[in-house]
């Protein structure tokens, strides 16, 4: 019987040691999280999001105009600046909307 008691005590002590190790690991993890939060540095953006969006829209419109001018002058054999005139677009709309 003494061997059984010793075995039970050993298993109990091993369980306690495992629990202590787990608690210690959890505490270390919590401390690491706290330290990371303290160490975080917030970086101020050089270009705000709204400015990036506006820049993309402006560059897209610029690329569209350049593409229209190139296409109109090369494919259409016209003056590149004629693509910016309303009369040209009215003519294209009238051509597409044949009654």
Foldseek 3Di string as FASTA:
>chain_A
DVVVVVVVVVVVVVVVVVVVVVVVVVVVVVVVVVVVVVPDDDDDDPADPVRVVVVVVVVVVVVVLVVQLVCCCVVVVDHSCCSVDPVVVVVVVCVVPPD
